[in-house]
Amino acid sequence: MNPVVPDSDLWKSKVNLTGVISDPSQAVWVNGVKGHNNGDGTWYANDVPTSPGGVASFTIIGYEPDEPQPDGSYGNP
């Protein structure tokens, strides 16, 4: 995950995140929000909820194309 800029955004209830991924076929999920793998080694996820209490914590998961995702879908759209 790339740094959140400006870091004051970490106090918001939702943030937009970006990052890098080595496998263009994997789907990316962050804190329960389905992101978008751009297929070029980068990804983004919008409106990702932060944890309450002033500490932003993110769980980022990559799913293989044949692995079911939390919403029941497969693959990287």
N, C-alpha and C. Protein backbone atom coordinates (compact mmCIF):
# COMPACT_ATOMS: atom_id res chain seq x y z
N MET A 1 0.85 -1.17 0.00
CA MET A 1 0.00 0.00 0.00
C MET A 1 0.89 1.23 0.00
N ASN A 2 0.52 2.20 -0.82
CA ASN A 2 1.24 3.47 -0.84
C ASN A 2 0.82 4.32 0.37
N PRO A 3 1.68 5.23 0.78
CA PRO A 3 1.30 6.11 1.89
C PRO A 3 0.05 6.92 1.56
N VAL A 4 -0.74 7.17 2.58
CA VAL A 4 -1.92 8.02 2.42
C VAL A 4 -1.45 9.47 2.52
N VAL A 5 -1.76 10.25 1.47
CA VAL A 5 -1.31 11.64 1.42
C VAL A 5 -2.53 12.52 1.15
N PRO A 6 -2.76 13.52 1.96
CA PRO A 6 -2.02 13.86 3.17
C PRO A 6 -2.37 12.88 4.29
N ASP A 7 -1.46 12.72 5.22
CA ASP A 7 -1.70 11.77 6.30
C ASP A 7 -2.87 12.17 7.20
N SER A 8 -3.28 13.42 7.13
CA SER A 8 -4.46 13.85 7.90
C SER A 8 -5.73 13.14 7.41
N ASP A 9 -5.70 12.58 6.18
CA ASP A 9 -6.85 11.83 5.67
C ASP A 9 -7.11 10.57 6.51
N LEU A 10 -6.10 10.10 7.23
CA LEU A 10 -6.26 8.91 8.06
C LEU A 10 -7.27 9.12 9.19
N TRP A 11 -7.62 10.38 9.46
CA TRP A 11 -8.63 10.68 10.48
C TRP A 11 -10.04 10.60 9.92
N LYS A 12 -10.17 10.50 8.61
CA LYS A 12 -11.49 10.40 7.98
C LYS A 12 -12.05 9.00 8.18
N SER A 13 -13.35 8.86 8.04
CA SER A 13 -13.97 7.55 8.22
C SER A 13 -13.75 6.64 7.02
N LYS A 14 -13.48 7.22 5.85
CA LYS A 14 -13.18 6.45 4.64
C LYS A 14 -12.06 7.15 3.87
N VAL A 15 -11.21 6.34 3.25
CA VAL A 15 -10.10 6.88 2.46
C VAL A 15 -9.99 6.14 1.14
N ASN A 16 -9.32 6.77 0.18
CA ASN A 16 -8.99 6.14 -1.09
C ASN A 16 -7.54 5.68 -1.00
N LEU A 17 -7.28 4.43 -1.39
CA LEU A 17 -5.95 3.86 -1.26
C LEU A 17 -5.43 3.38 -2.61
N THR A 18 -4.12 3.34 -2.73
CA THR A 18 -3.46 2.79 -3.91
C THR A 18 -2.31 1.92 -3.45
N GLY A 19 -1.80 1.11 -4.35
CA GLY A 19 -0.66 0.28 -3.99
C GLY A 19 -0.12 -0.48 -5.19
N VAL A 20 0.77 -1.39 -4.93
CA VAL A 20 1.36 -2.23 -5.97
C VAL A 20 1.06 -3.70 -5.67
N ILE A 21 0.99 -4.49 -6.74
CA ILE A 21 0.74 -5.91 -6.63
C ILE A 21 1.53 -6.61 -7.73
N SER A 22 2.11 -7.74 -7.40
CA SER A 22 2.96 -8.42 -8.38
C SER A 22 2.19 -9.31 -9.34
N ASP A 23 0.94 -9.65 -9.03
CA ASP A 23 0.17 -10.55 -9.89
C ASP A 23 -1.03 -9.82 -10.47
N PRO A 24 -1.03 -9.54 -11.77
CA PRO A 24 -2.14 -8.79 -12.38
C PRO A 24 -3.45 -9.57 -12.44
N SER A 25 -3.43 -10.86 -12.11
CA SER A 25 -4.66 -11.64 -12.17
C SER A 25 -5.40 -11.68 -10.83
N GLN A 26 -4.77 -11.22 -9.77
CA GLN A 26 -5.41 -11.29 -8.45
C GLN A 26 -6.36 -10.12 -8.22
N ALA A 27 -7.44 -10.42 -7.52
CA ALA A 27 -8.36 -9.38 -7.08
C ALA A 27 -7.86 -8.85 -5.74
N VAL A 28 -8.05 -7.56 -5.49
CA VAL A 28 -7.57 -6.91 -4.27
C VAL A 28 -8.76 -6.45 -3.44
N TRP A 29 -8.72 -6.78 -2.15
CA TRP A 29 -9.73 -6.32 -1.20
C TRP A 29 -9.02 -5.63 -0.04
N VAL A 30 -9.60 -4.53 0.43
CA VAL A 30 -9.03 -3.80 1.57
C VAL A 30 -10.15 -3.50 2.56
N ASN A 31 -10.01 -4.00 3.78
CA ASN A 31 -11.01 -3.77 4.83
C ASN A 31 -12.43 -4.04 4.35
N GLY A 32 -12.60 -5.11 3.57
CA GLY A 32 -13.92 -5.50 3.11
C GLY A 32 -14.40 -4.78 1.87
N VAL A 33 -13.57 -3.93 1.27
CA VAL A 33 -13.94 -3.20 0.05
C VAL A 33 -13.16 -3.78 -1.12
N LYS A 34 -13.89 -4.14 -2.18
CA LYS A 34 -13.25 -4.67 -3.37
C LYS A 34 -12.55 -3.55 -4.12
N GLY A 35 -11.26 -3.73 -4.34
CA GLY A 35 -10.49 -2.75 -5.08
C GLY A 35 -10.45 -3.11 -6.56
N HIS A 36 -9.59 -2.42 -7.27
CA HIS A 36 -9.42 -2.65 -8.70
C HIS A 36 -7.95 -2.87 -9.00
N ASN A 37 -7.62 -4.03 -9.54
CA ASN A 37 -6.27 -4.33 -9.99
C ASN A 37 -6.17 -3.81 -11.42
N ASN A 38 -5.32 -2.83 -11.65
CA ASN A 38 -5.20 -2.20 -12.96
C ASN A 38 -4.53 -3.09 -14.00
N GLY A 39 -3.93 -4.20 -13.57
CA GLY A 39 -3.28 -5.11 -14.49
C GLY A 39 -1.87 -4.70 -14.89
N ASP A 40 -1.40 -3.60 -14.31
CA ASP A 40 -0.05 -3.11 -14.63
C ASP A 40 0.85 -3.07 -13.41
N GLY A 41 0.45 -3.81 -12.37
CA GLY A 41 1.22 -3.83 -11.14
C GLY A 41 0.73 -2.84 -10.10
N THR A 42 -0.35 -2.12 -10.41
CA THR A 42 -0.91 -1.15 -9.46
C THR A 42 -2.37 -1.50 -9.17
N TRP A 43 -2.87 -1.02 -8.04
CA TRP A 43 -4.26 -1.21 -7.67
C TRP A 43 -4.77 0.03 -6.95
N TYR A 44 -6.09 0.15 -6.86
CA TYR A 44 -6.71 1.20 -6.05
C TYR A 44 -7.98 0.66 -5.42
N ALA A 45 -8.36 1.25 -4.32
CA ALA A 45 -9.62 0.94 -3.64
C ALA A 45 -10.16 2.26 -3.09
N ASN A 46 -11.41 2.55 -3.39
CA ASN A 46 -12.02 3.80 -2.95
C ASN A 46 -12.99 3.57 -1.80
N ASP A 47 -13.13 4.58 -0.98
CA ASP A 47 -14.07 4.56 0.15
C ASP A 47 -13.81 3.40 1.10
N VAL A 48 -12.55 3.17 1.41
CA VAL A 48 -12.16 2.11 2.34
C VAL A 48 -12.36 2.62 3.76
N PRO A 49 -13.12 1.91 4.59
CA PRO A 49 -13.32 2.37 5.95
C PRO A 49 -12.04 2.26 6.78
N THR A 50 -11.83 3.25 7.61
CA THR A 50 -10.71 3.21 8.56
C THR A 50 -11.24 2.70 9.89
N SER A 51 -10.34 2.32 10.75
CA SER A 51 -10.77 1.87 12.08
C SER A 51 -11.04 3.09 12.96
N PRO A 52 -12.03 3.01 13.83
CA PRO A 52 -12.35 4.15 14.69
C PRO A 52 -11.29 4.37 15.76
N GLY A 53 -11.27 5.56 16.30
CA GLY A 53 -10.39 5.86 17.43
C GLY A 53 -9.07 6.49 17.07
N GLY A 54 -8.92 6.94 15.82
CA GLY A 54 -7.70 7.64 15.44
C GLY A 54 -6.55 6.76 15.03
N VAL A 55 -6.78 5.45 14.89
CA VAL A 55 -5.73 4.55 14.42
C VAL A 55 -6.24 3.90 13.14
N ALA A 56 -5.61 4.19 12.02
CA ALA A 56 -6.03 3.61 10.75
C ALA A 56 -5.30 2.28 10.56
N SER A 57 -6.07 1.22 10.43
CA SER A 57 -5.52 -0.11 10.24
C SER A 57 -6.14 -0.70 8.98
N PHE A 58 -5.32 -1.30 8.12
CA PHE A 58 -5.81 -1.83 6.85
C PHE A 58 -5.40 -3.28 6.69
N THR A 59 -6.37 -4.11 6.29
CA THR A 59 -6.11 -5.50 5.95
C THR A 59 -6.28 -5.62 4.45
N ILE A 60 -5.20 -5.96 3.76
CA ILE A 60 -5.20 -6.06 2.30
C ILE A 60 -5.06 -7.54 1.94
N ILE A 61 -5.99 -8.03 1.11
CA ILE A 61 -5.99 -9.43 0.72
C ILE A 61 -6.04 -9.54 -0.79
N GLY A 62 -5.19 -10.41 -1.36
CA GLY A 62 -5.24 -10.73 -2.78
C GLY A 62 -5.86 -12.10 -2.96
N TYR A 63 -6.79 -12.21 -3.90
CA TYR A 63 -7.47 -13.47 -4.18
C TYR A 63 -7.06 -13.98 -5.56
N GLU A 64 -6.72 -15.27 -5.63
CA GLU A 64 -6.40 -15.91 -6.90
C GLU A 64 -7.65 -15.93 -7.78
N PRO A 65 -7.50 -15.99 -9.12
CA PRO A 65 -8.66 -15.96 -10.01
C PRO A 65 -9.69 -17.06 -9.75
N ASP A 66 -9.24 -18.24 -9.29
CA ASP A 66 -10.17 -19.34 -9.05
C ASP A 66 -10.62 -19.44 -7.60
N GLU A 67 -10.29 -18.43 -6.81
CA GLU A 67 -10.63 -18.42 -5.39
C GLU A 67 -11.86 -17.52 -5.17
N PRO A 68 -12.88 -18.02 -4.43
CA PRO A 68 -14.06 -17.18 -4.20
C PRO A 68 -13.72 -15.97 -3.32
N GLN A 69 -14.29 -14.84 -3.68
CA GLN A 69 -14.09 -13.60 -2.94
C GLN A 69 -15.26 -13.37 -1.99
N PRO A 70 -15.13 -12.44 -1.07
CA PRO A 70 -16.20 -12.21 -0.09
C PRO A 70 -17.59 -11.94 -0.68
N ASP A 71 -17.63 -11.37 -1.88
CA ASP A 71 -18.93 -11.09 -2.50
C ASP A 71 -19.42 -12.24 -3.38
N GLY A 72 -18.68 -13.37 -3.37
CA GLY A 72 -19.07 -14.52 -4.16
C GLY A 72 -18.52 -14.53 -5.58
N SER A 73 -17.83 -13.48 -5.97
CA SER A 73 -17.31 -13.40 -7.33
C SER A 73 -15.94 -14.10 -7.42
N TYR A 74 -15.49 -14.27 -8.64
CA TYR A 74 -14.19 -14.86 -8.93
C TYR A 74 -13.46 -13.95 -9.92
N GLY A 75 -12.13 -14.05 -9.93
CA GLY A 75 -11.34 -13.31 -10.91
C GLY A 75 -11.18 -11.85 -10.58
N ASN A 76 -10.51 -11.16 -11.50
CA ASN A 76 -10.24 -9.74 -11.35
C ASN A 76 -10.99 -9.00 -12.43
N PRO A 77 -12.02 -8.25 -12.07
CA PRO A 77 -12.83 -7.57 -13.10
C PRO A 77 -12.05 -6.48 -13.81
